[in-house]
């Protein structure tokens, strides 16, 4: 509960939340890049955490296949 925290604790909590949000945004941007236009950044932001996890697993699998087959990524 933020209401029970001291101001310095609230600031620390907000900074931690900001780091989490930044990590989510970065991950969504990376997913949008890997999806090559089949999904937009906004589409991915609107997904649940579970759905984004599924997309990440698909991307990881495709990257692994690309490495094994030595096909170009770009």
C-alpha atoms as a PDB file:
ATOM      1  CA  UNK A   1       0.000   0.000   0.000  1.00  0.00           C
ATOM      2  CA  UNK A   2       1.527   3.256  -1.130  1.00  0.00           C
ATOM      3  CA  UNK A   3      -0.472   5.266   1.398  1.00  0.00           C
ATOM      4  CA  UNK A   4       1.371   3.671   4.307  1.00  0.00           C
ATOM      5  CA  UNK A   5       4.850   4.291   2.901  1.00  0.00           C
ATOM      6  CA  UNK A   6       7.178   7.169   3.653  1.00  0.00           C
ATOM      7  CA  UNK A   7       7.865   9.572   0.766  1.00  0.00           C
ATOM      8  CA  UNK A   8      11.297   8.047   0.080  1.00  0.00           C
ATOM      9  CA  UNK A   9       9.730   4.574  -0.026  1.00  0.00           C
ATOM     10  CA  UNK A  10       7.037   5.786  -2.414  1.00  0.00           C
ATOM     11  CA  UNK A  11       9.739   7.229  -4.675  1.00  0.00           C
ATOM     12  CA  UNK A  12      11.635   3.936  -4.624  1.00  0.00           C
ATOM     13  CA  UNK A  13       8.437   2.002  -5.413  1.00  0.00           C
ATOM     14  CA  UNK A  14       7.655   4.308  -8.343  1.00  0.00           C
ATOM     15  CA  UNK A  15      11.183   3.917  -9.699  1.00  0.00           C
ATOM     16  CA  UNK A  16      10.878   0.127  -9.515  1.00  0.00           C
ATOM     17  CA  UNK A  17       7.537   0.253 -11.327  1.00  0.00           C
ATOM     18  CA  UNK A  18       9.064   2.501 -13.987  1.00  0.00           C
ATOM     19  CA  UNK A  19      11.838  -0.054 -14.556  1.00  0.00           C
ATOM     20  CA  UNK A  20       9.243  -2.807 -14.982  1.00  0.00           C
ATOM     21  CA  UNK A  21       7.233  -0.712 -17.452  1.00  0.00           C
ATOM     22  CA  UNK A  22      10.389   0.108 -19.422  1.00  0.00           C
ATOM     23  CA  UNK A  23      11.294  -3.578 -19.628  1.00  0.00           C
ATOM     24  CA  UNK A  24       7.782  -4.443 -20.857  1.00  0.00           C
ATOM     25  CA  UNK A  25       7.930  -1.709 -23.500  1.00  0.00           C
ATOM     26  CA  UNK A  26      11.347  -2.851 -24.704  1.00  0.00           C
ATOM     27  CA  UNK A  27      10.180  -6.452 -24.916  1.00  0.00           C
ATOM     28  CA  UNK A  28       7.045  -5.431 -26.836  1.00  0.00           C
ATOM     29  CA  UNK A  29       9.118  -3.404 -29.296  1.00  0.00           C
ATOM     30  CA  UNK A  30      11.411  -6.379 -29.851  1.00  0.00           C
ATOM     31  CA  UNK A  31       8.431  -8.648 -30.419  1.00  0.00           C
ATOM     32  CA  UNK A  32       6.932  -6.193 -32.908  1.00  0.00           C
ATOM     33  CA  UNK A  33      10.252  -6.168 -34.801  1.00  0.00           C
ATOM     34  CA  UNK A  34      10.435  -9.971 -34.898  1.00  0.00           C
ATOM     35  CA  UNK A  35       6.808 -10.213 -36.027  1.00  0.00           C
ATOM     36  CA  UNK A  36       7.769  -8.258 -39.178  1.00  0.00           C
ATOM     37  CA  UNK A  37       4.545  -6.332 -39.488  1.00  0.00           C
ATOM     38  CA  UNK A  38       2.141  -9.158 -38.738  1.00  0.00           C
ATOM     39  CA  UNK A  39       1.515  -7.523 -35.364  1.00  0.00           C
ATOM     40  CA  UNK A  40       1.958  -3.924 -34.369  1.00  0.00           C
ATOM     41  CA  UNK A  41       3.553  -2.602 -31.212  1.00  0.00           C
ATOM     42  CA  UNK A  42       0.081  -1.519 -30.095  1.00  0.00           C
ATOM     43  CA  UNK A  43      -1.337  -5.007 -30.764  1.00  0.00           C
ATOM     44  CA  UNK A  44       1.361  -6.517 -28.577  1.00  0.00           C
ATOM     45  CA  UNK A  45       0.902  -3.947 -25.796  1.00  0.00           C
ATOM     46  CA  UNK A  46      -2.780  -4.871 -25.690  1.00  0.00           C
ATOM     47  CA  UNK A  47      -1.998  -8.554 -25.140  1.00  0.00           C
ATOM     48  CA  UNK A  48      -1.996 -10.172 -21.741  1.00  0.00           C
ATOM     49  CA  UNK A  49       1.278 -11.166 -20.128  1.00  0.00           C
ATOM     50  CA  UNK A  50       0.428 -14.805 -20.903  1.00  0.00           C
ATOM     51  CA  UNK A  51      -0.132 -14.050 -24.581  1.00  0.00           C
ATOM     52  CA  UNK A  52       3.148 -12.127 -24.800  1.00  0.00           C
ATOM     53  CA  UNK A  53       4.842 -15.127 -23.195  1.00  0.00           C
ATOM     54  CA  UNK A  54       3.494 -17.376 -25.951  1.00  0.00           C
ATOM     55  CA  UNK A  55       4.769 -14.985 -28.625  1.00  0.00           C
ATOM     56  CA  UNK A  56       8.194 -14.887 -26.927  1.00  0.00           C
ATOM     57  CA  UNK A  57       8.355 -18.694 -26.988  1.00  0.00           C
ATOM     58  CA  UNK A  58       7.522 -18.703 -30.700  1.00  0.00           C
ATOM     59  CA  UNK A  59      10.237 -16.123 -31.363  1.00  0.00           C
ATOM     60  CA  UNK A  60      12.788 -18.097 -29.320  1.00  0.00           C
ATOM     61  CA  UNK A  61      11.899 -21.272 -31.213  1.00  0.00           C
ATOM     62  CA  UNK A  62      12.251 -19.504 -34.559  1.00  0.00           C
ATOM     63  CA  UNK A  63      15.611 -18.034 -33.529  1.00  0.00           C
ATOM     64  CA  UNK A  64      16.829 -21.473 -32.494  1.00  0.00           C
ATOM     65  CA  UNK A  65      15.713 -22.938 -35.829  1.00  0.00           C
ATOM     66  CA  UNK A  66      17.440 -20.089 -37.659  1.00  0.00           C
ATOM     67  CA  UNK A  67      20.695 -20.794 -35.806  1.00  0.00           C
ATOM     68  CA  UNK A  68      20.494 -24.556 -36.446  1.00  0.00           C
ATOM     69  CA  UNK A  69      19.728 -24.178 -40.148  1.00  0.00           C
ATOM     70  CA  UNK A  70      22.105 -21.221 -40.561  1.00  0.00           C
ATOM     71  CA  UNK A  71      19.444 -19.351 -42.508  1.00  0.00           C
ATOM     72  CA  UNK A  72      19.711 -15.570 -42.485  1.00  0.00           C
ATOM     73  CA  UNK A  73      17.619 -13.818 -39.852  1.00  0.00           C
ATOM     74  CA  UNK A  74      17.042 -10.648 -41.860  1.00  0.00           C
END
